[in-house]
PDB file of N, CA and C in Angstrom:
ATOM      1  N   MET A   1       0.835  -1.173   0.000  1.00  0.00           N
ATOM      2  CA  MET A   1       0.000   0.000   0.000  1.00  0.00           C
ATOM      3  C   MET A   1       0.884   1.242   0.000  1.00  0.00           C
ATOM      4  N   GLY A   2       0.689   2.091  -0.996  1.00  0.00           N
ATOM      5  CA  GLY A   2       1.464   3.310  -1.082  1.00  0.00           C
ATOM      6  C   GLY A   2       2.843   3.144  -1.669  1.00  0.00           C
ATOM      7  N   GLN A   3       3.190   1.909  -2.059  1.00  0.00           N
ATOM      8  CA  GLN A   3       4.515   1.696  -2.630  1.00  0.00           C
ATOM      9  C   GLN A   3       4.426   1.708  -4.142  1.00  0.00           C
ATOM     10  N   THR A   4       5.513   2.185  -4.765  1.00  0.00           N
ATOM     11  CA  THR A   4       5.589   2.152  -6.218  1.00  0.00           C
ATOM     12  C   THR A   4       6.377   0.929  -6.633  1.00  0.00           C
ATOM     13  N   SER A   5       6.291   0.579  -7.892  1.00  0.00           N
ATOM     14  CA  SER A   5       7.051  -0.573  -8.363  1.00  0.00           C
ATOM     15  C   SER A   5       8.536  -0.233  -8.366  1.00  0.00           C
ATOM     16  N   SER A   6       9.370  -1.232  -8.172  1.00  0.00           N
ATOM     17  CA  SER A   6      10.811  -0.998  -8.144  1.00  0.00           C
ATOM     18  C   SER A   6      11.348  -0.916  -9.568  1.00  0.00           C
ATOM     19  N   ILE A   7      12.466  -0.236  -9.699  1.00  0.00           N
ATOM     20  CA  ILE A   7      13.108  -0.066 -10.995  1.00  0.00           C
ATOM     21  C   ILE A   7      14.413  -0.842 -10.978  1.00  0.00           C
ATOM     22  N   SER A   8      14.685  -1.604 -12.033  1.00  0.00           N
ATOM     23  CA  SER A   8      15.933  -2.355 -12.115  1.00  0.00           C
ATOM     24  C   SER A   8      17.093  -1.409 -12.361  1.00  0.00           C
ATOM     25  N   LEU A   9      18.166  -1.641 -11.662  1.00  0.00           N
ATOM     26  CA  LEU A   9      19.380  -0.859 -11.868  1.00  0.00           C
ATOM     27  C   LEU A   9      20.140  -1.445 -13.052  1.00  0.00           C
ATOM     28  N   PRO A  10      20.931  -0.630 -13.723  1.00  0.00           N
ATOM     29  CA  PRO A  10      21.743  -1.160 -14.823  1.00  0.00           C
ATOM     30  C   PRO A  10      22.619  -2.303 -14.326  1.00  0.00           C
ATOM     31  N   SER A  11      22.735  -3.348 -15.118  1.00  0.00           N
ATOM     32  CA  SER A  11      23.502  -4.526 -14.701  1.00  0.00           C
ATOM     33  C   SER A  11      24.999  -4.266 -14.671  1.00  0.00           C
ATOM     34  N   SER A  12      25.450  -3.164 -15.255  1.00  0.00           N
ATOM     35  CA  SER A  12      26.878  -2.888 -15.326  1.00  0.00           C
ATOM     36  C   SER A  12      27.415  -2.125 -14.115  1.00  0.00           C
ATOM     37  N   LEU A  13      26.630  -1.998 -13.064  1.00  0.00           N
ATOM     38  CA  LEU A  13      27.107  -1.278 -11.871  1.00  0.00           C
ATOM     39  C   LEU A  13      28.113  -2.137 -11.112  1.00  0.00           C
ATOM     40  N   PRO A  14      29.218  -1.525 -10.677  1.00  0.00           N
ATOM     41  CA  PRO A  14      30.229  -2.274  -9.926  1.00  0.00           C
ATOM     42  C   PRO A  14      29.831  -2.450  -8.463  1.00  0.00           C
ATOM     43  N   ASP A  15      30.590  -3.262  -7.758  1.00  0.00           N
ATOM     44  CA  ASP A  15      30.354  -3.476  -6.328  1.00  0.00           C
ATOM     45  C   ASP A  15      30.777  -2.276  -5.498  1.00  0.00           C
ATOM     46  N   LEU A  16      31.726  -1.484  -5.994  1.00  0.00           N
ATOM     47  CA  LEU A  16      32.250  -0.337  -5.259  1.00  0.00           C
ATOM     48  C   LEU A  16      31.975   0.953  -6.018  1.00  0.00           C
ATOM     49  N   ALA A  17      31.479   1.963  -5.302  1.00  0.00           N
ATOM     50  CA  ALA A  17      31.256   3.296  -5.881  1.00  0.00           C
ATOM     51  C   ALA A  17      31.614   4.331  -4.829  1.00  0.00           C
ATOM     52  N   LEU A  18      32.068   5.490  -5.279  1.00  0.00           N
ATOM     53  CA  LEU A  18      32.391   6.589  -4.371  1.00  0.00           C
ATOM     54  C   LEU A  18      31.300   7.646  -4.498  1.00  0.00           C
ATOM     55  N   HIS A  19      30.638   7.953  -3.407  1.00  0.00           N
ATOM     56  CA  HIS A  19      29.512   8.883  -3.374  1.00  0.00           C
ATOM     57  C   HIS A  19      30.025  10.320  -3.460  1.00  0.00           C
ATOM     58  N   VAL A  20      29.479  11.106  -4.380  1.00  0.00           N
ATOM     59  CA  VAL A  20      29.856  12.515  -4.513  1.00  0.00           C
ATOM     60  C   VAL A  20      29.048  13.322  -3.501  1.00  0.00           C
ATOM     61  N   LEU A  21      29.725  13.915  -2.538  1.00  0.00           N
ATOM     62  CA  LEU A  21      29.046  14.711  -1.517  1.00  0.00           C
ATOM     63  C   LEU A  21      29.127  16.198  -1.810  1.00  0.00           C
ATOM     64  N   ARG A  22      30.203  16.628  -2.467  1.00  0.00           N
ATOM     65  CA  ARG A  22      30.333  18.032  -2.850  1.00  0.00           C
ATOM     66  C   ARG A  22      31.452  18.151  -3.867  1.00  0.00           C
ATOM     67  N   THR A  23      31.499  19.302  -4.532  1.00  0.00           N
ATOM     68  CA  THR A  23      32.592  19.607  -5.445  1.00  0.00           C
ATOM     69  C   THR A  23      33.125  20.991  -5.096  1.00  0.00           C
ATOM     70  N   ALA A  24      34.396  21.200  -5.334  1.00  0.00           N
ATOM     71  CA  ALA A  24      34.992  22.514  -5.082  1.00  0.00           C
ATOM     72  C   ALA A  24      34.460  23.500  -6.116  1.00  0.00           C
ATOM     73  N   GLU A  25      34.171  24.720  -5.667  1.00  0.00           N
ATOM     74  CA  GLU A  25      33.567  25.729  -6.550  1.00  0.00           C
ATOM     75  C   GLU A  25      34.400  26.036  -7.792  1.00  0.00           C
ATOM     76  N   ASP A  26      35.710  26.032  -7.686  1.00  0.00           N
ATOM     77  CA  ASP A  26      36.566  26.374  -8.816  1.00  0.00           C
ATOM     78  C   ASP A  26      37.005  25.158  -9.631  1.00  0.00           C
ATOM     79  N   SER A  27      36.512  23.981  -9.293  1.00  0.00           N
ATOM     80  CA  SER A  27      36.951  22.774  -9.990  1.00  0.00           C
ATOM     81  C   SER A  27      36.201  22.595 -11.310  1.00  0.00           C
ATOM     82  N   PRO A  28      36.813  21.868 -12.254  1.00  0.00           N
ATOM     83  CA  PRO A  28      36.136  21.607 -13.533  1.00  0.00           C
ATOM     84  C   PRO A  28      34.852  20.786 -13.369  1.00  0.00           C
ATOM     85  N   SER A  29      34.753  20.016 -12.300  1.00  0.00           N
ATOM     86  CA  SER A  29      33.566  19.178 -12.106  1.00  0.00           C
ATOM     87  C   SER A  29      32.406  19.922 -11.445  1.00  0.00           C
ATOM     88  N   HIS A  30      32.670  21.139 -10.949  1.00  0.00           N
ATOM     89  CA  HIS A  30      31.607  21.912 -10.300  1.00  0.00           C
ATOM     90  C   HIS A  30      30.527  22.243 -11.339  1.00  0.00           C
ATOM     91  N   GLY A  31      29.319  21.853 -11.051  1.00  0.00           N
ATOM     92  CA  GLY A  31      28.216  22.082 -11.972  1.00  0.00           C
ATOM     93  C   GLY A  31      27.919  20.905 -12.881  1.00  0.00           C
ATOM     94  N   SER A  32      28.896  20.008 -13.068  1.00  0.00           N
ATOM     95  CA  SER A  32      28.627  18.838 -13.908  1.00  0.00           C
ATOM     96  C   SER A  32      28.394  17.576 -13.089  1.00  0.00           C
ATOM     97  N   LEU A  33      28.869  17.566 -11.843  1.00  0.00           N
ATOM     98  CA  LEU A  33      28.561  16.470 -10.931  1.00  0.00           C
ATOM     99  C   LEU A  33      27.455  16.919  -9.996  1.00  0.00           C
ATOM    100  N   GLU A  34      26.529  16.032  -9.718  1.00  0.00           N
ATOM    101  CA  GLU A  34      25.376  16.360  -8.882  1.00  0.00           C
ATOM    102  C   GLU A  34      25.560  15.728  -7.494  1.00  0.00           C
ATOM    103  N   PRO A  35      25.980  16.538  -6.500  1.00  0.00           N
ATOM    104  CA  PRO A  35      26.189  15.989  -5.160  1.00  0.00           C
ATOM    105  C   PRO A  35      24.953  15.254  -4.645  1.00  0.00           C
ATOM    106  N   PHE A  36      25.204  14.204  -3.891  1.00  0.00           N
ATOM    107  CA  PHE A  36      24.223  13.333  -3.262  1.00  0.00           C
ATOM    108  C   PHE A  36      23.561  12.362  -4.233  1.00  0.00           C
ATOM    109  N   PHE A  37      23.484  12.666  -5.521  1.00  0.00           N
ATOM    110  CA  PHE A  37      22.867  11.752  -6.478  1.00  0.00           C
ATOM    111  C   PHE A  37      23.897  11.030  -7.339  1.00  0.00           C
ATOM    112  N   ASP A  38      25.100  11.593  -7.479  1.00  0.00           N
ATOM    113  CA  ASP A  38      26.125  10.993  -8.322  1.00  0.00           C
ATOM    114  C   ASP A  38      27.068  10.103  -7.521  1.00  0.00           C
ATOM    115  N   TYR A  39      27.470   9.019  -8.179  1.00  0.00           N
ATOM    116  CA  TYR A  39      28.431   8.065  -7.627  1.00  0.00           C
ATOM    117  C   TYR A  39      29.500   7.824  -8.688  1.00  0.00           C
ATOM    118  N   LEU A  40      30.767   7.934  -8.305  1.00  0.00           N
ATOM    119  CA  LEU A  40      31.858   7.609  -9.218  1.00  0.00           C
ATOM    120  C   LEU A  40      31.974   6.093  -9.261  1.00  0.00           C
ATOM    121  N   ILE A  41      31.850   5.518 -10.458  1.00  0.00           N
ATOM    122  CA  ILE A  41      31.900   4.065 -10.570  1.00  0.00           C
ATOM    123  C   ILE A  41      33.058   3.580 -11.426  1.00  0.00           C
ATOM    124  N   GLY A  42      33.785   4.504 -12.051  1.00  0.00           N
ATOM    125  CA  GLY A  42      34.914   4.090 -12.868  1.00  0.00           C
ATOM    126  C   GLY A  42      35.820   5.249 -13.205  1.00  0.00           C
ATOM    127  N   LEU A  43      37.052   4.930 -13.574  1.00  0.00           N
ATOM    128  CA  LEU A  43      38.062   5.921 -13.935  1.00  0.00           C
ATOM    129  C   LEU A  43      38.619   5.570 -15.295  1.00  0.00           C
ATOM    130  N   ASP A  44      38.976   6.578 -16.055  1.00  0.00           N
ATOM    131  CA  ASP A  44      39.641   6.347 -17.325  1.00  0.00           C
ATOM    132  C   ASP A  44      40.542   7.532 -17.584  1.00  0.00           C
ATOM    133  N   SER A  45      41.826   7.318 -17.581  1.00  0.00           N
ATOM    134  CA  SER A  45      42.745   8.428 -17.855  1.00  0.00           C
ATOM    135  C   SER A  45      42.789   8.664 -19.358  1.00  0.00           C
ATOM    136  N   ALA A  46      43.061   9.889 -19.740  1.00  0.00           N
ATOM    137  CA  ALA A  46      43.104  10.243 -21.158  1.00  0.00           C
ATOM    138  C   ALA A  46      44.124   9.372 -21.875  1.00  0.00           C
ATOM    139  N   GLY A  47      43.687   8.741 -22.946  1.00  0.00           N
ATOM    140  CA  GLY A  47      44.586   7.904 -23.735  1.00  0.00           C
ATOM    141  C   GLY A  47      44.727   6.477 -23.241  1.00  0.00           C
ATOM    142  N   ALA A  48      44.089   6.124 -22.149  1.00  0.00           N
ATOM    143  CA  ALA A  48      44.196   4.753 -21.637  1.00  0.00           C
ATOM    144  C   ALA A  48      43.349   3.815 -22.486  1.00  0.00           C
ATOM    145  N   ASP A  49      43.827   2.593 -22.652  1.00  0.00           N
ATOM    146  CA  ASP A  49      43.098   1.617 -23.461  1.00  0.00           C
ATOM    147  C   ASP A  49      41.962   0.967 -22.698  1.00  0.00           C
ATOM    148  N   SER A  50      42.150   0.746 -21.410  1.00  0.00           N
ATOM    149  CA  SER A  50      41.114   0.052 -20.651  1.00  0.00           C
ATOM    150  C   SER A  50      40.769   0.839 -19.399  1.00  0.00           C
ATOM    151  N   GLN A  51      39.580   0.620 -18.931  1.00  0.00           N
ATOM    152  CA  GLN A  51      39.108   1.343 -17.749  1.00  0.00           C
ATOM    153  C   GLN A  51      39.772   0.782 -16.490  1.00  0.00           C
ATOM    154  N   GLN A  52      40.208   1.665 -15.612  1.00  0.00           N
ATOM    155  CA  GLN A  52      40.842   1.262 -14.368  1.00  0.00           C
ATOM    156  C   GLN A  52      39.778   0.911 -13.343  1.00  0.00           C
ATOM    157  N   SER A  53      40.116   0.021 -12.420  1.00  0.00           N
ATOM    158  CA  SER A  53      39.188  -0.272 -11.336  1.00  0.00           C
ATOM    159  C   SER A  53      39.150   0.922 -10.393  1.00  0.00           C
ATOM    160  N   LEU A  54      38.025   1.119  -9.760  1.00  0.00           N
ATOM    161  CA  LEU A  54      37.837   2.281  -8.897  1.00  0.00           C
ATOM    162  C   LEU A  54      38.226   1.958  -7.467  1.00  0.00           C
ATOM    163  N   ASN A  55      39.121   2.747  -6.933  1.00  0.00           N
ATOM    164  CA  ASN A  55      39.432   2.732  -5.506  1.00  0.00           C
ATOM    165  C   ASN A  55      40.051   4.085  -5.189  1.00  0.00           C
ATOM    166  N   THR A  56      40.110   4.416  -3.929  1.00  0.00           N
ATOM    167  CA  THR A  56      40.570   5.750  -3.543  1.00  0.00           C
ATOM    168  C   THR A  56      42.019   6.002  -3.952  1.00  0.00           C
ATOM    169  N   GLU A  57      42.862   4.962  -3.891  1.00  0.00           N
ATOM    170  CA  GLU A  57      44.263   5.135  -4.282  1.00  0.00           C
ATOM    171  C   GLU A  57      44.374   5.407  -5.776  1.00  0.00           C
ATOM    172  N   ALA A  58      43.616   4.675  -6.582  1.00  0.00           N
ATOM    173  CA  ALA A  58      43.649   4.884  -8.038  1.00  0.00           C
ATOM    174  C   ALA A  58      43.125   6.268  -8.393  1.00  0.00           C
ATOM    175  N   LEU A  59      42.070   6.711  -7.712  1.00  0.00           N
ATOM    176  CA  LEU A  59      41.518   8.036  -7.968  1.00  0.00           C
ATOM    177  C   LEU A  59      42.527   9.128  -7.603  1.00  0.00           C
ATOM    178  N   ALA A  60      43.169   9.001  -6.449  1.00  0.00           N
ATOM    179  CA  ALA A  60      44.158   9.986  -6.017  1.00  0.00           C
ATOM    180  C   ALA A  60      45.336  10.039  -7.000  1.00  0.00           C
ATOM    181  N   LYS A  61      45.826   8.869  -7.433  1.00  0.00           N
ATOM    182  CA  LYS A  61      46.939   8.824  -8.384  1.00  0.00           C
ATOM    183  C   LYS A  61      46.531   9.416  -9.724  1.00  0.00           C
ATOM    184  N   LEU A  62      45.359   9.078 -10.207  1.00  0.00           N
ATOM    185  CA  LEU A  62      44.882   9.598 -11.486  1.00  0.00           C
ATOM    186  C   LEU A  62      44.767  11.121 -11.452  1.00  0.00           C
ATOM    187  N   MET A  63      44.228  11.655 -10.361  1.00  0.00           N
ATOM    188  CA  MET A  63      44.071  13.104 -10.240  1.00  0.00           C
ATOM    189  C   MET A  63      45.423  13.799 -10.152  1.00  0.00           C
ATOM    190  N   THR A  64      46.359  13.213  -9.416  1.00  0.00           N
ATOM    191  CA  THR A  64      47.702  13.783  -9.291  1.00  0.00           C
ATOM    192  C   THR A  64      48.438  13.739 -10.624  1.00  0.00           C
ATOM    193  N   ASP A  65      48.394  12.591 -11.297  1.00  0.00           N
ATOM    194  CA  ASP A  65      49.104  12.430 -12.567  1.00  0.00           C
ATOM    195  C   ASP A  65      48.538  13.320 -13.671  1.00  0.00           C
ATOM    196  N   ASN A  66      47.259  13.661 -13.592  1.00  0.00           N
ATOM    197  CA  ASN A  66      46.615  14.431 -14.655  1.00  0.00           C
ATOM    198  C   ASN A  66      46.212  15.832 -14.215  1.00  0.00           C
ATOM    199  N   GLU A  67      46.886  16.358 -13.192  1.00  0.00           N
ATOM    200  CA  GLU A  67      46.555  17.703 -12.716  1.00  0.00           C
ATOM    201  C   GLU A  67      46.712  18.705 -13.856  1.00  0.00           C
ATOM    202  N   GLY A  68      45.669  19.487 -14.080  1.00  0.00           N
ATOM    203  CA  GLY A  68      45.669  20.448 -15.169  1.00  0.00           C
ATOM    204  C   GLY A  68      45.259  19.846 -16.500  1.00  0.00           C
ATOM    205  N   GLY A  69      45.060  18.532 -16.530  1.00  0.00           N
ATOM    206  CA  GLY A  69      44.662  17.848 -17.762  1.00  0.00           C
ATOM    207  C   GLY A  69      43.236  17.338 -17.674  1.00  0.00           C
ATOM    208  N   LYS A  70      42.880  16.513 -18.618  1.00  0.00           N
ATOM    209  CA  LYS A  70      41.521  15.984 -18.704  1.00  0.00           C
ATOM    210  C   LYS A  70      41.458  14.580 -18.101  1.00  0.00           C
ATOM    211  N   VAL A  71      40.442  14.345 -17.280  1.00  0.00           N
ATOM    212  CA  VAL A  71      40.203  13.045 -16.670  1.00  0.00           C
ATOM    213  C   VAL A  71      38.753  12.669 -16.945  1.00  0.00           C
ATOM    214  N   ILE A  72      38.539  11.446 -17.351  1.00  0.00           N
ATOM    215  CA  ILE A  72      37.174  10.987 -17.606  1.00  0.00           C
ATOM    216  C   ILE A  72      36.748  10.083 -16.461  1.00  0.00           C
ATOM    217  N   LEU A  73      35.627  10.430 -15.851  1.00  0.00           N
ATOM    218  CA  LEU A  73      35.063   9.665 -14.753  1.00  0.00           C
ATOM    219  C   LEU A  73      33.766   9.022 -15.225  1.00  0.00           C
ATOM    220  N   LYS A  74      33.578   7.771 -14.896  1.00  0.00           N
ATOM    221  CA  LYS A  74      32.312   7.107 -15.183  1.00  0.00           C
ATOM    222  C   LYS A  74      31.421   7.343 -13.963  1.00  0.00           C
ATOM    223  N   VAL A  75      30.243   7.921 -14.186  1.00  0.00           N
ATOM    224  CA  VAL A  75      29.376   8.382 -13.103  1.00  0.00           C
ATOM    225  C   VAL A  75      27.998   7.742 -13.219  1.00  0.00           C
ATOM    226  N   TYR A  76      27.492   7.228 -12.099  1.00  0.00           N
ATOM    227  CA  TYR A  76      26.116   6.732 -12.028  1.00  0.00           C
ATOM    228  C   TYR A  76      25.285   7.758 -11.267  1.00  0.00           C
ATOM    229  N   ASN A  77      24.147   8.176 -11.835  1.00  0.00           N
ATOM    230  CA  ASN A  77      23.255   9.118 -11.179  1.00  0.00           C
ATOM    231  C   ASN A  77      22.053   8.352 -10.650  1.00  0.00           C
ATOM    232  N   ALA A  78      21.873   8.374  -9.327  1.00  0.00           N
ATOM    233  CA  ALA A  78      20.794   7.625  -8.692  1.00  0.00           C
ATOM    234  C   ALA A  78      19.418   8.205  -8.996  1.00  0.00           C
ATOM    235  N   LYS A  79      19.356   9.512  -9.254  1.00  0.00           N
ATOM    236  CA  LYS A  79      18.067  10.137  -9.542  1.00  0.00           C
ATOM    237  C   LYS A  79      17.551   9.731 -10.926  1.00  0.00           C
ATOM    238  N   SER A  80      18.418   9.803 -11.933  1.00  0.00           N
ATOM    239  CA  SER A  80      18.007   9.463 -13.299  1.00  0.00           C
ATOM    240  C   SER A  80      18.220   7.990 -13.613  1.00  0.00           C
ATOM    241  N   GLN A  81      18.990   7.274 -12.751  1.00  0.00           N
ATOM    242  CA  GLN A  81      19.318   5.870 -12.913  1.00  0.00           C
ATOM    243  C   GLN A  81      20.070   5.631 -14.226  1.00  0.00           C
ATOM    244  N   ARG A  82      20.982   6.554 -14.556  1.00  0.00           N
ATOM    245  CA  ARG A  82      21.765   6.458 -15.785  1.00  0.00           C
ATOM    246  C   ARG A  82      23.258   6.543 -15.477  1.00  0.00           C
ATOM    247  N   ILE A  83      24.028   5.963 -16.371  1.00  0.00           N
ATOM    248  CA  ILE A  83      25.485   6.031 -16.290  1.00  0.00           C
ATOM    249  C   ILE A  83      25.956   6.979 -17.382  1.00  0.00           C
ATOM    250  N   ARG A  84      26.912   7.841 -17.027  1.00  0.00           N
ATOM    251  CA  ARG A  84      27.463   8.770 -18.014  1.00  0.00           C
ATOM    252  C   ARG A  84      28.953   8.936 -17.770  1.00  0.00           C
ATOM    253  N   GLY A  85      29.639   9.441 -18.765  1.00  0.00           N
ATOM    254  CA  GLY A  85      31.063   9.773 -18.651  1.00  0.00           C
ATOM    255  C   GLY A  85      31.183  11.254 -18.402  1.00  0.00           C
ATOM    256  N   GLU A  86      32.012  11.645 -17.458  1.00  0.00           N
ATOM    257  CA  GLU A  86      32.253  13.062 -17.145  1.00  0.00           C
ATOM    258  C   GLU A  86      33.713  13.348 -17.363  1.00  0.00           C
ATOM    259  N   SER A  87      34.015  14.545 -17.815  1.00  0.00           N
ATOM    260  CA  SER A  87      35.416  14.924 -17.939  1.00  0.00           C
ATOM    261  C   SER A  87      35.636  16.261 -17.278  1.00  0.00           C
TER     262      SER A  87
END
């Protein structure tokens, strides 16, 4: 009673995701990532052939190695239930 039907999540979601709680105002991701609804589910450095597994160490290394450059993040949005690439 009062419940809606459930929606299936995309089958390609990983076991680990990093929840976006906020973005820095001057960062390139400010305005393109939606805090509280977005989850980082994958990393891909510019020019890489395969997607890296997501963990905090890999994210920190990727951000350090590509400071001032372009980084592509695979993002799942819980509100729209869609996966997108962010750079």
